[in-house]
């Protein structure tokens, strides 16, 4: 069975695995994402991983943050990895490792994973929304991943949600409704100074029924629901799958669904439209491995290899 080195580069860690077409994980590992030596340090870090497995893998499939031309492997932007901006990363890695390389945007990888084997399987029109530091998106239209003319499709973080203050960065959907922003606001309204306060701490308050935490959480969920309603009018989706670490909390899917129902029920267009269609709202099936699975699928598809 052919094997591939699959790499998911995040802002904090690089996760990697040797996998086959059946999504079997032969080996897994993790190392810190380098920042000290720019793009050269990044290339060195990937090479150090590759040389552990170069005799047993057919190539490198990679998930990266940023706006990425998946046809050429050129990174127009690098997300948190700003040193990757305007760099032909796939070409540089191909030369350094002497191996086939294919890279794809991280949120698009998550969407491909769910379309291949997860919550969007057999779905012709759907959306994967990743709630994290910002809000990533992967869109499937007519059974194909939508990349867009400039590989920018699905960059949901940049949606402007306040026309009156559109120049204010806080009006961006990702900053206003990202999971990190919600957690920070709960910490602020509760007057918590403890630096160890994190997502788990926030959901302890939410799940315990804390009124102030619930108020912040409801505003967070309602903001997402409003944008899902807007996206539904544009894309007419069958399924929306919510991902990111906080999606493991049952209350996240339940509350967004409740808020979406409320938005549709009170929407002013109901006066003229008999109904506003909604997509089925579910949790992503692949959690921390979604980007790895999607990167593998993208590699196999790019090189016209059969999938498991």
C-alpha atoms as a PDB file:
ATOM      1  CA  UNK A   1       0.000   0.000   0.000  1.00  0.00           C
ATOM      2  CA  UNK A   2       1.378   3.412  -0.985  1.00  0.00           C
ATOM      3  CA  UNK A   3       2.018   5.779   1.898  1.00  0.00           C
ATOM      4  CA  UNK A   4       2.215   9.569   2.104  1.00  0.00           C
ATOM      5  CA  UNK A   5       3.636  12.090   4.528  1.00  0.00           C
ATOM      6  CA  UNK A   6       0.779  14.394   5.486  1.00  0.00           C
ATOM      7  CA  UNK A   7       1.493  17.622   7.350  1.00  0.00           C
ATOM      8  CA  UNK A   8      -0.851  20.095   9.046  1.00  0.00           C
ATOM      9  CA  UNK A   9       0.904  23.356   9.864  1.00  0.00           C
ATOM     10  CA  UNK A  10      -0.778  25.440  12.539  1.00  0.00           C
ATOM     11  CA  UNK A  11       0.173  28.647  14.280  1.00  0.00           C
ATOM     12  CA  UNK A  12       1.502  26.769  17.312  1.00  0.00           C
ATOM     13  CA  UNK A  13       2.287  23.226  16.209  1.00  0.00           C
ATOM     14  CA  UNK A  14       3.029  21.158  13.126  1.00  0.00           C
ATOM     15  CA  UNK A  15       1.136  17.870  13.181  1.00  0.00           C
ATOM     16  CA  UNK A  16       2.275  15.159  10.811  1.00  0.00           C
ATOM     17  CA  UNK A  17       1.428  11.582   9.944  1.00  0.00           C
ATOM     18  CA  UNK A  18       2.316   8.789   7.576  1.00  0.00           C
ATOM     19  CA  UNK A  19      -0.972   7.722   6.012  1.00  0.00           C
ATOM     20  CA  UNK A  20      -2.331   5.519   3.260  1.00  0.00           C
ATOM     21  CA  UNK A  21      -5.303   6.079   0.952  1.00  0.00           C
ATOM     22  CA  UNK A  22      -7.649   4.432   3.436  1.00  0.00           C
ATOM     23  CA  UNK A  23      -6.856   7.130   6.035  1.00  0.00           C
ATOM     24  CA  UNK A  24      -4.874   4.646   8.079  1.00  0.00           C
ATOM     25  CA  UNK A  25      -2.453   6.463  10.374  1.00  0.00           C
ATOM     26  CA  UNK A  26       0.774   4.463  10.331  1.00  0.00           C
ATOM     27  CA  UNK A  27       2.703   6.960  12.441  1.00  0.00           C
ATOM     28  CA  UNK A  28       1.891  10.350  13.964  1.00  0.00           C
ATOM     29  CA  UNK A  29       3.978  13.138  15.437  1.00  0.00           C
ATOM     30  CA  UNK A  30       4.022  16.781  16.427  1.00  0.00           C
ATOM     31  CA  UNK A  31       6.584  19.566  16.712  1.00  0.00           C
ATOM     32  CA  UNK A  32       6.507  23.291  17.369  1.00  0.00           C
ATOM     33  CA  UNK A  33       5.958  25.641  14.450  1.00  0.00           C
ATOM     34  CA  UNK A  34       9.161  27.648  13.915  1.00  0.00           C
ATOM     35  CA  UNK A  35       9.218  31.434  13.761  1.00  0.00           C
ATOM     36  CA  UNK A  36      12.862  32.322  14.388  1.00  0.00           C
ATOM     37  CA  UNK A  37      14.397  32.040  10.921  1.00  0.00           C
ATOM     38  CA  UNK A  38      11.604  32.941   8.542  1.00  0.00           C
ATOM     39  CA  UNK A  39      10.820  30.848   5.504  1.00  0.00           C
ATOM     40  CA  UNK A  40      14.218  29.118   5.595  1.00  0.00           C
ATOM     41  CA  UNK A  41      13.542  27.953   9.138  1.00  0.00           C
ATOM     42  CA  UNK A  42      10.152  26.689   8.040  1.00  0.00           C
ATOM     43  CA  UNK A  43      11.581  24.741   5.111  1.00  0.00           C
ATOM     44  CA  UNK A  44      14.243  23.251   7.385  1.00  0.00           C
ATOM     45  CA  UNK A  45      11.576  22.141   9.881  1.00  0.00           C
ATOM     46  CA  UNK A  46       9.580  20.353   7.180  1.00  0.00           C
ATOM     47  CA  UNK A  47      12.717  18.736   5.782  1.00  0.00           C
ATOM     48  CA  UNK A  48      13.611  17.414   9.246  1.00  0.00           C
ATOM     49  CA  UNK A  49      10.231  15.667   9.351  1.00  0.00           C
ATOM     50  CA  UNK A  50      10.478  14.401   5.779  1.00  0.00           C
ATOM     51  CA  UNK A  51      13.868  12.778   6.165  1.00  0.00           C
ATOM     52  CA  UNK A  52      12.451  10.557   8.920  1.00  0.00           C
ATOM     53  CA  UNK A  53      10.192   8.911   6.338  1.00  0.00           C
ATOM     54  CA  UNK A  54      11.654   9.659   2.906  1.00  0.00           C
ATOM     55  CA  UNK A  55      12.239   5.975   2.131  1.00  0.00           C
ATOM     56  CA  UNK A  56       8.636   4.957   2.839  1.00  0.00           C
ATOM     57  CA  UNK A  57       6.461   7.759   1.418  1.00  0.00           C
ATOM     58  CA  UNK A  58       5.473   8.734  -2.123  1.00  0.00           C
ATOM     59  CA  UNK A  59       5.239  12.460  -1.464  1.00  0.00           C
ATOM     60  CA  UNK A  60       4.189  15.278   0.868  1.00  0.00           C
ATOM     61  CA  UNK A  61       0.612  16.496   1.297  1.00  0.00           C
ATOM     62  CA  UNK A  62       0.330  19.681   3.326  1.00  0.00           C
ATOM     63  CA  UNK A  63      -2.299  21.887   4.934  1.00  0.00           C
ATOM     64  CA  UNK A  64      -1.217  25.509   5.448  1.00  0.00           C
ATOM     65  CA  UNK A  65      -2.868  28.740   6.617  1.00  0.00           C
ATOM     66  CA  UNK A  66      -3.188  31.557   4.121  1.00  0.00           C
ATOM     67  CA  UNK A  67      -4.497  32.241   0.634  1.00  0.00           C
ATOM     68  CA  UNK A  68      -2.899  29.508  -1.447  1.00  0.00           C
ATOM     69  CA  UNK A  69      -2.850  28.771  -5.158  1.00  0.00           C
ATOM     70  CA  UNK A  70      -3.293  25.022  -4.891  1.00  0.00           C
ATOM     71  CA  UNK A  71      -2.407  24.546  -8.566  1.00  0.00           C
ATOM     72  CA  UNK A  72       1.092  26.016  -8.256  1.00  0.00           C
ATOM     73  CA  UNK A  73       1.680  25.856  -4.498  1.00  0.00           C
ATOM     74  CA  UNK A  74       2.218  29.618  -4.282  1.00  0.00           C
ATOM     75  CA  UNK A  75       1.264  31.285  -0.984  1.00  0.00           C
ATOM     76  CA  UNK A  76      -0.226  34.700  -1.613  1.00  0.00           C
ATOM     77  CA  UNK A  77      -0.573  35.175   2.145  1.00  0.00           C
ATOM     78  CA  UNK A  78       0.629  33.065   5.046  1.00  0.00           C
ATOM     79  CA  UNK A  79      -1.930  33.680   7.775  1.00  0.00           C
ATOM     80  CA  UNK A  80      -0.068  33.648  11.086  1.00  0.00           C
ATOM     81  CA  UNK A  81       2.989  32.409   9.206  1.00  0.00           C
ATOM     82  CA  UNK A  82       3.658  35.775   7.618  1.00  0.00           C
ATOM     83  CA  UNK A  83       7.061  34.643   6.351  1.00  0.00           C
ATOM     84  CA  UNK A  84       5.298  32.340   3.862  1.00  0.00           C
ATOM     85  CA  UNK A  85       3.572  35.245   2.113  1.00  0.00           C
ATOM     86  CA  UNK A  86       4.494  35.640  -1.567  1.00  0.00           C
ATOM     87  CA  UNK A  87       6.547  32.461  -1.507  1.00  0.00           C
ATOM     88  CA  UNK A  88       6.365  29.439  -3.891  1.00  0.00           C
ATOM     89  CA  UNK A  89       6.308  27.080  -0.915  1.00  0.00           C
ATOM     90  CA  UNK A  90       5.475  23.883  -2.816  1.00  0.00           C
ATOM     91  CA  UNK A  91       8.290  24.498  -5.317  1.00  0.00           C
ATOM     92  CA  UNK A  92      10.793  25.277  -2.555  1.00  0.00           C
ATOM     93  CA  UNK A  93       9.855  22.140  -0.627  1.00  0.00           C
ATOM     94  CA  UNK A  94       9.931  20.011  -3.763  1.00  0.00           C
ATOM     95  CA  UNK A  95      13.493  21.139  -4.419  1.00  0.00           C
ATOM     96  CA  UNK A  96      14.616  20.769  -0.817  1.00  0.00           C
ATOM     97  CA  UNK A  97      13.115  17.333  -0.270  1.00  0.00           C
ATOM     98  CA  UNK A  98      13.351  16.043  -3.847  1.00  0.00           C
ATOM     99  CA  UNK A  99       9.762  14.845  -3.539  1.00  0.00           C
ATOM    100  CA  UNK A 100       6.287  15.494  -4.881  1.00  0.00           C
ATOM    101  CA  UNK A 101       4.566  18.212  -2.847  1.00  0.00           C
ATOM    102  CA  UNK A 102       1.029  19.541  -2.828  1.00  0.00           C
ATOM    103  CA  UNK A 103      -0.351  22.200  -0.494  1.00  0.00           C
ATOM    104  CA  UNK A 104      -3.856  23.446   0.237  1.00  0.00           C
ATOM    105  CA  UNK A 105      -5.421  26.011   2.566  1.00  0.00           C
ATOM    106  CA  UNK A 106      -6.223  24.601   6.019  1.00  0.00           C
ATOM    107  CA  UNK A 107      -9.967  25.376   6.095  1.00  0.00           C
ATOM    108  CA  UNK A 108     -10.365  24.002   2.578  1.00  0.00           C
ATOM    109  CA  UNK A 109      -8.600  20.838   3.752  1.00  0.00           C
ATOM    110  CA  UNK A 110     -11.146  20.511   6.554  1.00  0.00           C
ATOM    111  CA  UNK A 111     -13.957  20.832   4.018  1.00  0.00           C
ATOM    112  CA  UNK A 112     -12.377  18.210   1.765  1.00  0.00           C
ATOM    113  CA  UNK A 113     -12.058  15.807   4.702  1.00  0.00           C
ATOM    114  CA  UNK A 114     -15.742  16.180   5.557  1.00  0.00           C
ATOM    115  CA  UNK A 115     -16.739  15.871   1.892  1.00  0.00           C
ATOM    116  CA  UNK A 116     -14.603  12.766   1.375  1.00  0.00           C
ATOM    117  CA  UNK A 117     -15.451  10.739   4.458  1.00  0.00           C
ATOM    118  CA  UNK A 118     -17.319  12.916   6.942  1.00  0.00           C
ATOM    119  CA  UNK A 119     -20.330  15.127   7.549  1.00  0.00           C
ATOM    120  CA  UNK A 120     -20.553  16.352   3.928  1.00  0.00           C
ATOM    121  CA  UNK A 121     -20.193  12.944   2.306  1.00  0.00           C
ATOM    122  CA  UNK A 122     -22.616  12.632  -0.649  1.00  0.00           C
ATOM    123  CA  UNK A 123     -23.519  16.313  -0.187  1.00  0.00           C
ATOM    124  CA  UNK A 124     -23.564  18.390  -3.364  1.00  0.00           C
ATOM    125  CA  UNK A 125     -23.767  21.823  -1.720  1.00  0.00           C
ATOM    126  CA  UNK A 126     -22.420  22.440   1.752  1.00  0.00           C
ATOM    127  CA  UNK A 127     -20.205  24.461   4.033  1.00  0.00           C
ATOM    128  CA  UNK A 128     -17.624  23.686   6.682  1.00  0.00           C
ATOM    129  CA  UNK A 129     -17.186  26.527   9.174  1.00  0.00           C
ATOM    130  CA  UNK A 130     -14.172  26.339  11.490  1.00  0.00           C
ATOM    131  CA  UNK A 131     -14.465  28.370  14.702  1.00  0.00           C
ATOM    132  CA  UNK A 132     -11.059  29.220  16.106  1.00  0.00           C
ATOM    133  CA  UNK A 133      -8.896  32.323  16.385  1.00  0.00           C
ATOM    134  CA  UNK A 134     -10.831  33.501  13.327  1.00  0.00           C
ATOM    135  CA  UNK A 135     -13.463  31.791  11.205  1.00  0.00           C
ATOM    136  CA  UNK A 136     -12.343  29.604   8.344  1.00  0.00           C
ATOM    137  CA  UNK A 137     -14.621  28.258   5.669  1.00  0.00           C
ATOM    138  CA  UNK A 138     -14.667  25.594   3.012  1.00  0.00           C
ATOM    139  CA  UNK A 139     -17.477  25.586   0.440  1.00  0.00           C
ATOM    140  CA  UNK A 140     -18.616  22.654  -1.675  1.00  0.00           C
ATOM    141  CA  UNK A 141     -20.729  23.531  -4.723  1.00  0.00           C
ATOM    142  CA  UNK A 142     -22.076  20.919  -7.140  1.00  0.00           C
ATOM    143  CA  UNK A 143     -19.867  18.310  -5.489  1.00  0.00           C
ATOM    144  CA  UNK A 144     -16.640  20.294  -5.895  1.00  0.00           C
ATOM    145  CA  UNK A 145     -14.559  22.411  -3.556  1.00  0.00           C
ATOM    146  CA  UNK A 146     -15.009  26.096  -4.384  1.00  0.00           C
ATOM    147  CA  UNK A 147     -11.597  27.753  -4.506  1.00  0.00           C
ATOM    148  CA  UNK A 148     -12.571  30.912  -6.386  1.00  0.00           C
ATOM    149  CA  UNK A 149     -10.862  32.985  -9.062  1.00  0.00           C
ATOM    150  CA  UNK A 150      -8.219  34.171  -6.564  1.00  0.00           C
ATOM    151  CA  UNK A 151      -8.277  31.131  -4.220  1.00  0.00           C
ATOM    152  CA  UNK A 152     -10.063  33.346  -1.703  1.00  0.00           C
ATOM    153  CA  UNK A 153     -13.419  31.541  -1.495  1.00  0.00           C
ATOM    154  CA  UNK A 154     -14.369  30.666   2.072  1.00  0.00           C
ATOM    155  CA  UNK A 155     -12.336  33.384   3.800  1.00  0.00           C
ATOM    156  CA  UNK A 156     -15.232  34.028   6.160  1.00  0.00           C
ATOM    157  CA  UNK A 157     -13.181  35.928   8.726  1.00  0.00           C
ATOM    158  CA  UNK A 158     -13.126  38.941   6.419  1.00  0.00           C
ATOM    159  CA  UNK A 159     -16.902  39.304   6.110  1.00  0.00           C
ATOM    160  CA  UNK A 160     -17.905  42.769   7.323  1.00  0.00           C
ATOM    161  CA  UNK A 161     -20.827  42.637   9.724  1.00  0.00           C
ATOM    162  CA  UNK A 162     -21.280  46.345  10.441  1.00  0.00           C
ATOM    163  CA  UNK A 163     -21.895  48.624   7.450  1.00  0.00           C
ATOM    164  CA  UNK A 164     -21.773  51.736   9.647  1.00  0.00           C
ATOM    165  CA  UNK A 165     -18.303  50.945  10.976  1.00  0.00           C
ATOM    166  CA  UNK A 166     -16.914  48.896   8.134  1.00  0.00           C
ATOM    167  CA  UNK A 167     -13.415  50.408   8.464  1.00  0.00           C
ATOM    168  CA  UNK A 168     -13.146  49.190  12.051  1.00  0.00           C
ATOM    169  CA  UNK A 169     -11.314  45.852  12.267  1.00  0.00           C
ATOM    170  CA  UNK A 170     -13.702  44.745  15.008  1.00  0.00           C
ATOM    171  CA  UNK A 171     -16.443  44.701  12.374  1.00  0.00           C
ATOM    172  CA  UNK A 172     -14.822  41.672  10.732  1.00  0.00           C
ATOM    173  CA  UNK A 173     -16.756  38.450  11.305  1.00  0.00           C
ATOM    174  CA  UNK A 174     -13.655  36.531  12.378  1.00  0.00           C
ATOM    175  CA  UNK A 175     -12.685  39.024  15.065  1.00  0.00           C
ATOM    176  CA  UNK A 176     -16.227  39.506  16.327  1.00  0.00           C
ATOM    177  CA  UNK A 177     -17.362  35.890  16.263  1.00  0.00           C
ATOM    178  CA  UNK A 178     -14.226  33.793  16.510  1.00  0.00           C
ATOM    179  CA  UNK A 179     -14.087  31.375  19.439  1.00  0.00           C
ATOM    180  CA  UNK A 180     -11.077  33.134  20.957  1.00  0.00           C
ATOM    181  CA  UNK A 181     -12.935  36.459  20.964  1.00  0.00           C
ATOM    182  CA  UNK A 182     -15.951  34.879  22.673  1.00  0.00           C
ATOM    183  CA  UNK A 183     -13.767  33.329  25.380  1.00  0.00           C
ATOM    184  CA  UNK A 184     -11.974  36.629  25.944  1.00  0.00           C
ATOM    185  CA  UNK A 185     -15.269  38.510  26.344  1.00  0.00           C
ATOM    186  CA  UNK A 186     -16.508  36.020  28.931  1.00  0.00           C
ATOM    187  CA  UNK A 187     -13.292  36.537  30.866  1.00  0.00           C
ATOM    188  CA  UNK A 188     -13.781  40.299  30.695  1.00  0.00           C
ATOM    189  CA  UNK A 189     -17.440  40.388  31.776  1.00  0.00           C
ATOM    190  CA  UNK A 190     -16.654  38.059  34.675  1.00  0.00           C
ATOM    191  CA  UNK A 191     -13.693  40.204  35.741  1.00  0.00           C
ATOM    192  CA  UNK A 192     -11.381  37.187  35.701  1.00  0.00           C
ATOM    193  CA  UNK A 193      -7.654  38.002  35.950  1.00  0.00           C
ATOM    194  CA  UNK A 194      -6.339  34.423  35.941  1.00  0.00           C
ATOM    195  CA  UNK A 195      -4.168  33.914  32.838  1.00  0.00           C
ATOM    196  CA  UNK A 196      -4.988  30.202  32.848  1.00  0.00           C
ATOM    197  CA  UNK A 197      -8.628  30.941  31.926  1.00  0.00           C
ATOM    198  CA  UNK A 198      -9.241  29.177  28.609  1.00  0.00           C
ATOM    199  CA  UNK A 199     -11.943  27.601  26.463  1.00  0.00           C
ATOM    200  CA  UNK A 200     -12.589  24.786  28.909  1.00  0.00           C
ATOM    201  CA  UNK A 201     -12.948  27.347  31.698  1.00  0.00           C
ATOM    202  CA  UNK A 202     -15.411  29.365  29.611  1.00  0.00           C
ATOM    203  CA  UNK A 203     -17.564  26.333  28.857  1.00  0.00           C
ATOM    204  CA  UNK A 204     -17.608  25.322  32.512  1.00  0.00           C
ATOM    205  CA  UNK A 205     -19.357  28.643  33.132  1.00  0.00           C
ATOM    206  CA  UNK A 206     -21.637  28.269  30.096  1.00  0.00           C
ATOM    207  CA  UNK A 207     -22.652  24.706  30.917  1.00  0.00           C
ATOM    208  CA  UNK A 208     -23.237  25.596  34.563  1.00  0.00           C
ATOM    209  CA  UNK A 209     -25.783  28.243  33.525  1.00  0.00           C
ATOM    210  CA  UNK A 210     -23.781  31.333  34.482  1.00  0.00           C
ATOM    211  CA  UNK A 211     -25.954  34.234  33.290  1.00  0.00           C
ATOM    212  CA  UNK A 212     -23.213  36.605  32.161  1.00  0.00           C
ATOM    213  CA  UNK A 213     -21.288  33.888  30.353  1.00  0.00           C
ATOM    214  CA  UNK A 214     -24.481  32.684  28.692  1.00  0.00           C
ATOM    215  CA  UNK A 215     -25.294  36.209  27.506  1.00  0.00           C
ATOM    216  CA  UNK A 216     -21.905  36.511  25.773  1.00  0.00           C
ATOM    217  CA  UNK A 217     -22.224  33.000  24.357  1.00  0.00           C
ATOM    218  CA  UNK A 218     -25.715  33.685  22.995  1.00  0.00           C
ATOM    219  CA  UNK A 219     -24.505  36.862  21.244  1.00  0.00           C
ATOM    220  CA  UNK A 220     -21.652  34.814  19.762  1.00  0.00           C
ATOM    221  CA  UNK A 221     -24.017  32.092  18.502  1.00  0.00           C
ATOM    222  CA  UNK A 222     -26.549  34.608  17.200  1.00  0.00           C
ATOM    223  CA  UNK A 223     -23.856  36.398  15.178  1.00  0.00           C
ATOM    224  CA  UNK A 224     -22.887  33.111  13.559  1.00  0.00           C
ATOM    225  CA  UNK A 225     -26.522  32.242  12.885  1.00  0.00           C
ATOM    226  CA  UNK A 226     -27.132  35.560  11.113  1.00  0.00           C
ATOM    227  CA  UNK A 227     -24.193  34.952   8.776  1.00  0.00           C
ATOM    228  CA  UNK A 228     -25.320  31.374   8.156  1.00  0.00           C
ATOM    229  CA  UNK A 229     -28.689  32.778   7.145  1.00  0.00           C
ATOM    230  CA  UNK A 230     -26.968  35.185   4.741  1.00  0.00           C
ATOM    231  CA  UNK A 231     -24.757  32.436   3.330  1.00  0.00           C
ATOM    232  CA  UNK A 232     -27.742  30.174   2.881  1.00  0.00           C
ATOM    233  CA  UNK A 233     -29.402  32.782   0.675  1.00  0.00           C
ATOM    234  CA  UNK A 234     -26.309  32.869  -1.534  1.00  0.00           C
ATOM    235  CA  UNK A 235     -25.288  29.206  -1.567  1.00  0.00           C
ATOM    236  CA  UNK A 236     -28.521  27.309  -0.772  1.00  0.00           C
ATOM    237  CA  UNK A 237     -26.661  24.621   1.175  1.00  0.00           C
ATOM    238  CA  UNK A 238     -27.803  21.156   2.182  1.00  0.00           C
ATOM    239  CA  UNK A 239     -25.465  20.769   5.152  1.00  0.00           C
ATOM    240  CA  UNK A 240     -23.389  23.091   7.324  1.00  0.00           C
ATOM    241  CA  UNK A 241     -20.750  21.358   9.449  1.00  0.00           C
ATOM    242  CA  UNK A 242     -19.248  23.284  12.374  1.00  0.00           C
ATOM    243  CA  UNK A 243     -15.659  22.520  13.362  1.00  0.00           C
ATOM    244  CA  UNK A 244     -12.915  23.823  15.581  1.00  0.00           C
ATOM    245  CA  UNK A 245     -12.109  22.855  19.158  1.00  0.00           C
ATOM    246  CA  UNK A 246     -15.262  24.331  20.660  1.00  0.00           C
ATOM    247  CA  UNK A 247     -17.479  22.288  18.339  1.00  0.00           C
ATOM    248  CA  UNK A 248     -16.917  19.315  20.655  1.00  0.00           C
ATOM    249  CA  UNK A 249     -19.207  21.072  23.130  1.00  0.00           C
ATOM    250  CA  UNK A 250     -22.805  19.974  22.452  1.00  0.00           C
ATOM    251  CA  UNK A 251     -24.112  23.369  23.503  1.00  0.00           C
ATOM    252  CA  UNK A 252     -22.342  25.021  20.536  1.00  0.00           C
ATOM    253  CA  UNK A 253     -24.278  23.211  17.804  1.00  0.00           C
ATOM    254  CA  UNK A 254     -27.505  23.313  19.830  1.00  0.00           C
ATOM    255  CA  UNK A 255     -27.349  27.067  20.440  1.00  0.00           C
ATOM    256  CA  UNK A 256     -26.328  28.043  16.904  1.00  0.00           C
ATOM    257  CA  UNK A 257     -29.218  25.916  15.596  1.00  0.00           C
ATOM    258  CA  UNK A 258     -31.636  27.579  18.017  1.00  0.00           C
ATOM    259  CA  UNK A 259     -30.414  31.038  17.011  1.00  0.00           C
ATOM    260  CA  UNK A 260     -30.660  30.203  13.306  1.00  0.00           C
ATOM    261  CA  UNK A 261     -34.259  29.074  13.812  1.00  0.00           C
ATOM    262  CA  UNK A 262     -35.003  32.373  15.582  1.00  0.00           C
ATOM    263  CA  UNK A 263     -33.364  34.461  12.844  1.00  0.00           C
ATOM    264  CA  UNK A 264     -35.363  32.691  10.132  1.00  0.00           C
ATOM    265  CA  UNK A 265     -38.592  32.937  12.115  1.00  0.00           C
ATOM    266  CA  UNK A 266     -38.207  36.704  12.613  1.00  0.00           C
ATOM    267  CA  UNK A 267     -36.613  37.538   9.262  1.00  0.00           C
ATOM    268  CA  UNK A 268     -38.383  40.475   7.529  1.00  0.00           C
ATOM    269  CA  UNK A 269     -38.473  38.629   4.211  1.00  0.00           C
ATOM    270  CA  UNK A 270     -41.012  36.241   5.715  1.00  0.00           C
ATOM    271  CA  UNK A 271     -43.628  38.828   4.760  1.00  0.00           C
ATOM    272  CA  UNK A 272     -43.087  38.073   1.080  1.00  0.00           C
ATOM    273  CA  UNK A 273     -41.387  34.661   1.060  1.00  0.00           C
ATOM    274  CA  UNK A 274     -43.372  31.601   2.009  1.00  0.00           C
ATOM    275  CA  UNK A 275     -40.305  30.032   3.584  1.00  0.00           C
ATOM    276  CA  UNK A 276     -36.585  30.539   4.048  1.00  0.00           C
ATOM    277  CA  UNK A 277     -34.709  27.272   3.502  1.00  0.00           C
ATOM    278  CA  UNK A 278     -32.202  26.146   6.104  1.00  0.00           C
ATOM    279  CA  UNK A 279     -29.360  23.685   5.855  1.00  0.00           C
ATOM    280  CA  UNK A 280     -28.944  20.762   8.210  1.00  0.00           C
ATOM    281  CA  UNK A 281     -26.539  21.903  10.950  1.00  0.00           C
ATOM    282  CA  UNK A 282     -24.111  19.290  12.266  1.00  0.00           C
ATOM    283  CA  UNK A 283     -20.744  18.888  13.947  1.00  0.00           C
ATOM    284  CA  UNK A 284     -17.712  18.054  11.803  1.00  0.00           C
ATOM    285  CA  UNK A 285     -16.880  14.371  12.094  1.00  0.00           C
ATOM    286  CA  UNK A 286     -13.117  14.807  11.870  1.00  0.00           C
ATOM    287  CA  UNK A 287     -11.796  16.761  14.828  1.00  0.00           C
ATOM    288  CA  UNK A 288      -8.065  17.386  15.170  1.00  0.00           C
ATOM    289  CA  UNK A 289      -7.266  15.201  12.166  1.00  0.00           C
ATOM    290  CA  UNK A 290      -9.485  17.021   9.645  1.00  0.00           C
ATOM    291  CA  UNK A 291      -6.700  19.016   8.006  1.00  0.00           C
ATOM    292  CA  UNK A 292      -4.528  15.914   7.677  1.00  0.00           C
ATOM    293  CA  UNK A 293      -7.315  13.908   6.047  1.00  0.00           C
ATOM    294  CA  UNK A 294      -8.261  16.759   3.711  1.00  0.00           C
ATOM    295  CA  UNK A 295      -4.654  17.431   2.726  1.00  0.00           C
ATOM    296  CA  UNK A 296      -4.279  13.778   1.760  1.00  0.00           C
ATOM    297  CA  UNK A 297      -7.445  13.903  -0.348  1.00  0.00           C
ATOM    298  CA  UNK A 298      -6.273  17.096  -2.068  1.00  0.00           C
ATOM    299  CA  UNK A 299      -2.903  15.488  -2.858  1.00  0.00           C
ATOM    300  CA  UNK A 300      -4.497  12.364  -4.304  1.00  0.00           C
ATOM    301  CA  UNK A 301      -6.901  14.442  -6.367  1.00  0.00           C
ATOM    302  CA  UNK A 302      -4.174  16.786  -7.627  1.00  0.00           C
ATOM    303  CA  UNK A 303      -1.959  13.941  -8.801  1.00  0.00           C
ATOM    304  CA  UNK A 304      -4.950  12.046 -10.271  1.00  0.00           C
ATOM    305  CA  UNK A 305      -4.521   9.101  -7.918  1.00  0.00           C
ATOM    306  CA  UNK A 306      -7.395   6.892  -6.900  1.00  0.00           C
ATOM    307  CA  UNK A 307      -8.762   7.458  -3.387  1.00  0.00           C
ATOM    308  CA  UNK A 308      -9.596   4.844  -0.800  1.00  0.00           C
END
